[in-house]
Amino acid sequence: MKKIFTISIILISLTGIGYLYFYTGLLNRKSDKEITFTENQKTDINILDSVYTDEILSAKQDALLYVEEESTEDYTYYLVTGSFSKKVNAETFKTTLEKKGYQANIIRSDFDHYKVSIFSSTSKKEALDSLMKARNIDEFKSTWLLKRKRN
């Protein structure tokens, strides 16, 4: 048993050394050796770097400036701060929020759940803006957006 363990350790070590030698060349590399580039290579690297950076910046700007077309369907967006299976729990939470100065409403879902909302809007943009603001408040960090088709 001891021999099998020793042989396994030796094989694992040899495998690791082989990896270093064949795949990374670390055994042949000198630590004080510097990599040098020709002027053409430096130019190519700078061009690639600037193109890559420009593409990233462009993608980020596009994402920040993205404006979604308004939907032709009518929806109401709710900021949900709590969801309860019992109406009494939803009412208690609503009362707690109202005592803190929030205008809370209870929304009944199709599956007999009661959601407590602190904001509603027919504008998706306005709802998303309010969601981001609400999540900056500690007690609303887990607030989420409910999209419901208007009747």
Protein backbone atom coordinates (compact mmCIF):
# COMPACT_ATOMS: atom_id res chain seq x y z
CA MET A 1 0.00 0.00 0.00
CA LYS A 2 2.84 2.33 0.87
CA LYS A 3 4.53 1.61 -2.48
CA ILE A 4 1.36 2.46 -4.43
CA PHE A 5 1.07 5.76 -2.57
CA THR A 6 4.74 6.61 -3.24
CA ILE A 7 4.45 5.71 -6.93
CA SER A 8 1.29 7.86 -7.20
CA ILE A 9 3.08 10.86 -5.69
CA ILE A 10 6.00 10.41 -8.09
CA LEU A 11 3.68 10.17 -11.11
CA ILE A 12 1.75 13.26 -10.05
CA SER A 13 5.02 15.17 -9.61
CA LEU A 14 6.31 14.06 -13.01
CA THR A 15 3.04 15.06 -14.63
CA GLY A 16 3.31 18.53 -13.09
CA ILE A 17 6.92 18.93 -14.21
CA GLY A 18 5.98 17.75 -17.70
CA TYR A 19 3.21 20.33 -17.85
CA LEU A 20 5.59 23.11 -16.87
CA TYR A 21 8.19 22.00 -19.39
CA PHE A 22 6.07 21.33 -22.45
CA TYR A 23 3.22 23.81 -22.11
CA THR A 24 4.68 26.89 -20.49
CA GLY A 25 8.43 26.54 -20.98
CA LEU A 26 9.06 27.70 -17.42
CA LEU A 27 12.00 25.35 -16.97
CA ASN A 28 13.89 26.98 -19.86
CA ARG A 29 12.96 30.58 -19.16
CA LYS A 30 15.46 32.81 -17.42
CA SER A 31 13.98 35.19 -14.90
CA ASP A 32 16.11 38.15 -15.99
CA LYS A 33 15.31 37.71 -19.71
CA GLU A 34 13.11 40.49 -21.11
CA ILE A 35 10.74 40.22 -24.00
CA THR A 36 11.54 42.68 -26.75
CA PHE A 37 9.36 43.76 -29.63
CA THR A 38 10.25 45.31 -32.94
CA GLU A 39 8.79 48.71 -33.77
CA ASN A 40 6.26 47.06 -36.13
CA GLN A 41 5.14 44.68 -33.39
CA LYS A 42 4.79 47.59 -30.93
CA THR A 43 2.65 49.48 -33.44
CA ASP A 44 0.48 46.42 -34.06
CA ILE A 45 -0.01 45.91 -30.31
CA ASN A 46 -0.94 49.57 -29.79
CA ILE A 47 -3.44 49.47 -32.68
CA LEU A 48 -5.05 46.27 -31.37
CA ASP A 49 -5.19 47.67 -27.86
CA SER A 50 -6.86 50.91 -28.97
CA VAL A 51 -9.35 49.08 -31.23
CA TYR A 52 -10.27 46.71 -28.41
CA THR A 53 -10.62 49.58 -25.92
CA ASP A 54 -12.72 51.59 -28.39
CA GLU A 55 -15.02 48.60 -28.94
CA ILE A 56 -15.54 48.16 -25.21
CA LEU A 57 -16.24 51.86 -24.70
CA SER A 58 -18.62 51.89 -27.65
CA ALA A 59 -20.53 48.88 -26.31
CA LYS A 60 -20.79 50.46 -22.85
CA GLN A 61 -22.01 53.75 -24.32
CA ASP A 62 -24.57 51.93 -26.46
CA ALA A 63 -25.83 50.08 -23.37
CA LEU A 64 -26.08 53.28 -21.34
CA LEU A 65 -27.87 55.16 -24.10
CA TYR A 66 -30.20 52.30 -25.06
CA VAL A 67 -33.79 53.40 -25.28
CA GLU A 68 -36.37 50.69 -25.58
CA GLU A 69 -39.29 51.41 -27.84
CA GLU A 70 -42.54 51.86 -25.99
CA SER A 71 -44.73 48.80 -26.05
CA THR A 72 -48.08 49.00 -27.78
CA GLU A 73 -49.62 46.90 -25.01
CA ASP A 74 -50.73 48.52 -21.79
CA TYR A 75 -48.87 47.44 -18.66
CA THR A 76 -48.64 48.63 -15.10
CA TYR A 77 -45.30 48.24 -13.32
CA TYR A 78 -45.21 47.74 -9.55
CA LEU A 79 -42.28 47.94 -7.13
CA VAL A 80 -42.86 44.91 -4.91
CA THR A 81 -41.30 44.97 -1.45
CA GLY A 82 -42.95 41.86 -0.03
CA SER A 83 -44.93 38.82 -1.10
CA PHE A 84 -47.11 36.85 1.29
CA SER A 85 -49.30 33.76 1.14
CA LYS A 86 -51.58 35.12 3.88
CA LYS A 87 -53.47 38.39 3.46
CA VAL A 88 -53.10 39.26 7.14
CA ASN A 89 -49.28 39.25 6.79
CA ALA A 90 -49.47 41.50 3.74
CA GLU A 91 -51.75 43.90 5.61
CA THR A 92 -49.38 44.00 8.59
CA PHE A 93 -46.42 44.77 6.31
CA LYS A 94 -48.43 47.42 4.48
CA THR A 95 -49.31 49.10 7.78
CA THR A 96 -45.65 49.06 8.83
CA LEU A 97 -44.64 50.77 5.58
CA GLU A 98 -47.43 53.35 5.90
CA LYS A 99 -46.26 54.22 9.43
CA LYS A 100 -42.84 54.96 7.90
CA GLY A 101 -44.45 57.33 5.39
CA TYR A 102 -44.69 55.12 2.32
CA GLN A 103 -47.84 54.74 0.24
CA ALA A 104 -48.21 50.98 0.11
CA ASN A 105 -50.78 48.90 -1.74
CA ILE A 106 -51.65 45.21 -1.75
CA ILE A 107 -51.84 43.42 -5.09
CA ARG A 108 -53.42 39.99 -5.24
CA SER A 109 -51.77 37.58 -7.65
CA ASP A 110 -53.37 34.79 -9.61
CA PHE A 111 -51.94 32.20 -7.23
CA ASP A 112 -53.45 33.51 -3.98
CA HIS A 113 -50.36 35.48 -3.02
CA TYR A 114 -50.49 39.03 -1.79
CA LYS A 115 -47.76 41.41 -2.93
CA VAL A 116 -47.06 44.69 -1.18
CA SER A 117 -46.11 47.48 -3.55
CA ILE A 118 -44.73 50.94 -2.74
CA PHE A 119 -44.95 52.37 -6.25
CA SER A 120 -46.77 51.81 -9.54
CA SER A 121 -46.51 53.38 -12.96
CA THR A 122 -47.55 52.79 -16.55
CA SER A 123 -44.11 53.99 -17.68
CA LYS A 124 -41.44 51.28 -17.72
CA LYS A 125 -38.65 53.87 -17.62
CA GLU A 126 -40.15 55.61 -14.60
CA ALA A 127 -40.62 52.25 -12.86
CA LEU A 128 -37.01 51.19 -13.52
CA ASP A 129 -35.71 54.54 -12.27
CA SER A 130 -37.76 54.17 -9.10
CA LEU A 131 -36.55 50.59 -8.67
CA MET A 132 -32.90 51.72 -8.74
CA LYS A 133 -33.64 54.46 -6.20
CA ALA A 134 -35.53 52.07 -3.93
CA ARG A 135 -32.71 49.52 -3.95
CA ASN A 136 -30.40 52.20 -2.52
CA ILE A 137 -32.53 52.19 0.64
CA ASP A 138 -31.47 49.40 3.03
CA GLU A 139 -34.96 48.06 3.74
CA PHE A 140 -35.76 47.87 0.00
CA LYS A 141 -32.59 46.16 -1.28
CA SER A 142 -34.57 43.12 -2.46
CA THR A 143 -37.36 45.10 -4.12
CA TRP A 144 -38.34 43.81 -7.54
CA LEU A 145 -40.46 44.91 -10.47
CA LEU A 146 -43.79 43.29 -11.31
CA LYS A 147 -45.14 43.84 -14.83
CA ARG A 148 -48.88 43.26 -15.12
CA LYS A 149 -51.11 43.73 -18.15
CA ARG A 150 -53.86 46.26 -17.56
CA ASN A 151 -57.43 45.12 -17.99
